[in-house]
């Protein structure tokens, strides 16, 4: 938890998740950054789904907000 909080504070790391019946079944960590060479970027650092729910297709929802 300390590492996540440090990344949030120092690197604008954000997390989103999908919850089903009060259980987090999938989560993603991302950053929005801006560079001279590439402009504004959306970078997904981490993405995870519990194995029993992988067939539901949670990853695309976490990455593009569908």
N, C-alpha and C. Protein backbone atom coordinates (compact mmCIF):
# COMPACT_ATOMS: atom_id res chain seq x y z
N UNK A 1 0.82 -1.19 0.00
CA UNK A 1 0.00 0.00 0.00
C UNK A 1 0.87 1.26 0.00
N UNK A 2 1.97 1.22 0.71
CA UNK A 2 2.86 2.38 0.77
C UNK A 2 3.38 2.74 -0.62
N UNK A 3 3.71 1.72 -1.41
CA UNK A 3 4.21 1.99 -2.76
C UNK A 3 3.13 2.63 -3.63
N UNK A 4 1.91 2.13 -3.55
CA UNK A 4 0.81 2.71 -4.33
C UNK A 4 0.60 4.17 -3.95
N UNK A 5 0.57 4.47 -2.67
CA UNK A 5 0.38 5.84 -2.22
C UNK A 5 1.53 6.75 -2.68
N UNK A 6 2.74 6.23 -2.65
CA UNK A 6 3.90 7.00 -3.10
C UNK A 6 3.80 7.28 -4.60
N UNK A 7 3.40 6.28 -5.38
CA UNK A 7 3.24 6.49 -6.82
C UNK A 7 2.13 7.50 -7.11
N UNK A 8 1.05 7.43 -6.32
CA UNK A 8 -0.04 8.39 -6.51
C UNK A 8 0.44 9.81 -6.23
N UNK A 9 1.21 9.97 -5.18
CA UNK A 9 1.68 11.29 -4.79
C UNK A 9 2.75 11.83 -5.74
N UNK A 10 3.69 10.98 -6.11
CA UNK A 10 4.85 11.45 -6.88
C UNK A 10 4.72 11.34 -8.39
N UNK A 11 3.85 10.45 -8.87
CA UNK A 11 3.81 10.19 -10.31
C UNK A 11 2.41 10.25 -10.89
N UNK A 12 1.47 10.80 -10.16
CA UNK A 12 0.09 10.96 -10.63
C UNK A 12 -0.56 9.63 -11.01
N UNK A 13 -0.17 8.56 -10.33
CA UNK A 13 -0.73 7.23 -10.54
C UNK A 13 -2.16 7.22 -10.06
N UNK A 14 -3.04 6.62 -10.83
CA UNK A 14 -4.46 6.52 -10.47
C UNK A 14 -4.88 5.06 -10.57
N UNK A 15 -5.93 4.70 -9.86
CA UNK A 15 -6.45 3.34 -9.93
C UNK A 15 -7.95 3.38 -10.18
N UNK A 16 -8.41 2.41 -10.98
CA UNK A 16 -9.84 2.19 -11.19
C UNK A 16 -10.09 0.70 -10.95
N UNK A 17 -11.33 0.36 -10.65
CA UNK A 17 -11.63 -1.04 -10.39
C UNK A 17 -13.07 -1.36 -10.76
N UNK A 18 -13.33 -2.64 -10.90
CA UNK A 18 -14.68 -3.15 -11.13
C UNK A 18 -15.02 -4.00 -9.93
N UNK A 19 -16.18 -3.74 -9.38
CA UNK A 19 -16.63 -4.43 -8.18
C UNK A 19 -17.90 -5.22 -8.49
N UNK A 20 -17.96 -6.43 -7.94
CA UNK A 20 -19.15 -7.27 -8.09
C UNK A 20 -19.50 -7.82 -6.72
N UNK A 21 -20.68 -7.51 -6.25
CA UNK A 21 -21.13 -7.96 -4.93
C UNK A 21 -20.11 -7.63 -3.83
N UNK A 22 -19.64 -6.40 -3.82
CA UNK A 22 -18.69 -5.86 -2.83
C UNK A 22 -17.31 -6.51 -2.89
N UNK A 23 -16.99 -7.19 -3.99
CA UNK A 23 -15.66 -7.78 -4.19
C UNK A 23 -15.04 -7.15 -5.43
N UNK A 24 -13.81 -6.68 -5.29
CA UNK A 24 -13.09 -6.14 -6.45
C UNK A 24 -12.66 -7.32 -7.31
N UNK A 25 -13.16 -7.36 -8.55
CA UNK A 25 -12.84 -8.47 -9.44
C UNK A 25 -11.76 -8.10 -10.46
N UNK A 26 -11.54 -6.81 -10.67
CA UNK A 26 -10.51 -6.36 -11.61
C UNK A 26 -10.07 -4.96 -11.23
N UNK A 27 -8.80 -4.66 -11.49
CA UNK A 27 -8.27 -3.33 -11.17
C UNK A 27 -7.20 -2.95 -12.18
N UNK A 28 -7.03 -1.65 -12.34
CA UNK A 28 -6.01 -1.15 -13.26
C UNK A 28 -5.39 0.11 -12.67
N UNK A 29 -4.08 0.23 -12.86
CA UNK A 29 -3.37 1.44 -12.44
C UNK A 29 -2.83 2.13 -13.67
N UNK A 30 -2.98 3.44 -13.73
CA UNK A 30 -2.58 4.18 -14.93
C UNK A 30 -2.04 5.56 -14.57
N UNK A 31 -1.40 6.18 -15.53
CA UNK A 31 -0.92 7.55 -15.40
C UNK A 31 -1.21 8.31 -16.70
N UNK A 32 -1.48 9.57 -16.57
CA UNK A 32 -1.54 10.46 -17.72
C UNK A 32 -0.33 11.37 -17.58
N UNK A 33 0.50 11.38 -18.61
CA UNK A 33 1.72 12.19 -18.57
C UNK A 33 1.80 13.01 -19.85
N UNK A 34 2.65 14.01 -19.83
CA UNK A 34 2.86 14.84 -21.00
C UNK A 34 4.35 15.00 -21.25
N UNK A 35 4.75 14.75 -22.47
CA UNK A 35 6.15 14.79 -22.87
C UNK A 35 6.32 15.73 -24.05
N UNK A 36 7.49 16.35 -24.15
CA UNK A 36 7.77 17.19 -25.31
C UNK A 36 7.73 16.38 -26.60
N UNK A 37 8.32 15.20 -26.58
CA UNK A 37 8.43 14.39 -27.79
C UNK A 37 7.12 13.75 -28.22
N UNK A 38 6.29 13.29 -27.27
CA UNK A 38 5.09 12.52 -27.61
C UNK A 38 3.79 13.24 -27.28
N UNK A 39 3.86 14.35 -26.58
CA UNK A 39 2.65 15.02 -26.15
C UNK A 39 2.01 14.31 -24.97
N UNK A 40 0.71 14.42 -24.86
CA UNK A 40 -0.02 13.81 -23.74
C UNK A 40 -0.18 12.32 -24.00
N UNK A 41 0.09 11.50 -22.98
CA UNK A 41 -0.02 10.05 -23.11
C UNK A 41 -0.83 9.46 -21.96
N UNK A 42 -1.48 8.36 -22.25
CA UNK A 42 -2.21 7.58 -21.26
C UNK A 42 -1.48 6.25 -21.18
N UNK A 43 -0.91 5.94 -20.02
CA UNK A 43 -0.10 4.75 -19.87
C UNK A 43 -0.69 3.85 -18.79
N UNK A 44 -1.04 2.62 -19.18
CA UNK A 44 -1.55 1.64 -18.22
C UNK A 44 -0.35 0.90 -17.64
N UNK A 45 -0.12 1.09 -16.35
CA UNK A 45 1.00 0.44 -15.65
C UNK A 45 0.65 -0.98 -15.24
N UNK A 46 -0.53 -1.17 -14.71
CA UNK A 46 -0.92 -2.44 -14.12
C UNK A 46 -2.36 -2.76 -14.48
N UNK A 47 -2.62 -4.04 -14.72
CA UNK A 47 -4.00 -4.47 -14.93
C UNK A 47 -4.11 -5.91 -14.43
N UNK A 48 -5.15 -6.17 -13.65
CA UNK A 48 -5.30 -7.50 -13.04
C UNK A 48 -6.78 -7.84 -12.89
N UNK A 49 -7.08 -9.11 -13.11
CA UNK A 49 -8.43 -9.64 -12.91
C UNK A 49 -8.32 -10.95 -12.15
N UNK A 50 -9.21 -11.18 -11.19
CA UNK A 50 -9.15 -12.46 -10.48
C UNK A 50 -9.50 -13.57 -11.49
N UNK A 51 -8.84 -14.70 -11.35
CA UNK A 51 -8.90 -15.76 -12.35
C UNK A 51 -10.33 -16.23 -12.65
N UNK A 52 -11.17 -16.27 -11.65
CA UNK A 52 -12.54 -16.76 -11.86
C UNK A 52 -13.39 -15.83 -12.72
N UNK A 53 -12.90 -14.60 -12.97
CA UNK A 53 -13.67 -13.63 -13.73
C UNK A 53 -12.99 -13.20 -15.04
N UNK A 54 -11.91 -13.83 -15.41
CA UNK A 54 -11.17 -13.42 -16.61
C UNK A 54 -11.99 -13.54 -17.89
N UNK A 55 -12.91 -14.45 -17.93
CA UNK A 55 -13.70 -14.67 -19.13
C UNK A 55 -14.74 -13.55 -19.37
N UNK A 56 -14.91 -12.64 -18.43
CA UNK A 56 -15.92 -11.59 -18.54
C UNK A 56 -15.48 -10.39 -19.39
N UNK A 57 -14.19 -10.30 -19.70
CA UNK A 57 -13.72 -9.19 -20.52
C UNK A 57 -13.63 -7.87 -19.78
N UNK A 58 -13.14 -7.89 -18.56
CA UNK A 58 -13.05 -6.68 -17.74
C UNK A 58 -11.97 -5.72 -18.23
N UNK A 59 -10.87 -6.24 -18.76
CA UNK A 59 -9.74 -5.39 -19.13
C UNK A 59 -10.11 -4.24 -20.07
N UNK A 60 -10.84 -4.48 -21.15
CA UNK A 60 -11.19 -3.36 -22.01
C UNK A 60 -12.01 -2.27 -21.29
N UNK A 61 -12.86 -2.68 -20.36
CA UNK A 61 -13.65 -1.71 -19.61
C UNK A 61 -12.76 -0.85 -18.73
N UNK A 62 -11.73 -1.44 -18.15
CA UNK A 62 -10.83 -0.68 -17.29
C UNK A 62 -9.96 0.28 -18.09
N UNK A 63 -9.65 -0.08 -19.31
CA UNK A 63 -8.73 0.73 -20.12
C UNK A 63 -9.42 1.83 -20.91
N UNK A 64 -10.68 1.64 -21.27
CA UNK A 64 -11.31 2.68 -22.09
C UNK A 64 -12.64 3.18 -21.54
N UNK A 65 -13.01 2.72 -20.37
CA UNK A 65 -14.20 3.26 -19.72
C UNK A 65 -15.51 2.75 -20.27
N UNK A 66 -15.52 1.68 -21.04
CA UNK A 66 -16.77 1.15 -21.62
C UNK A 66 -17.65 0.53 -20.55
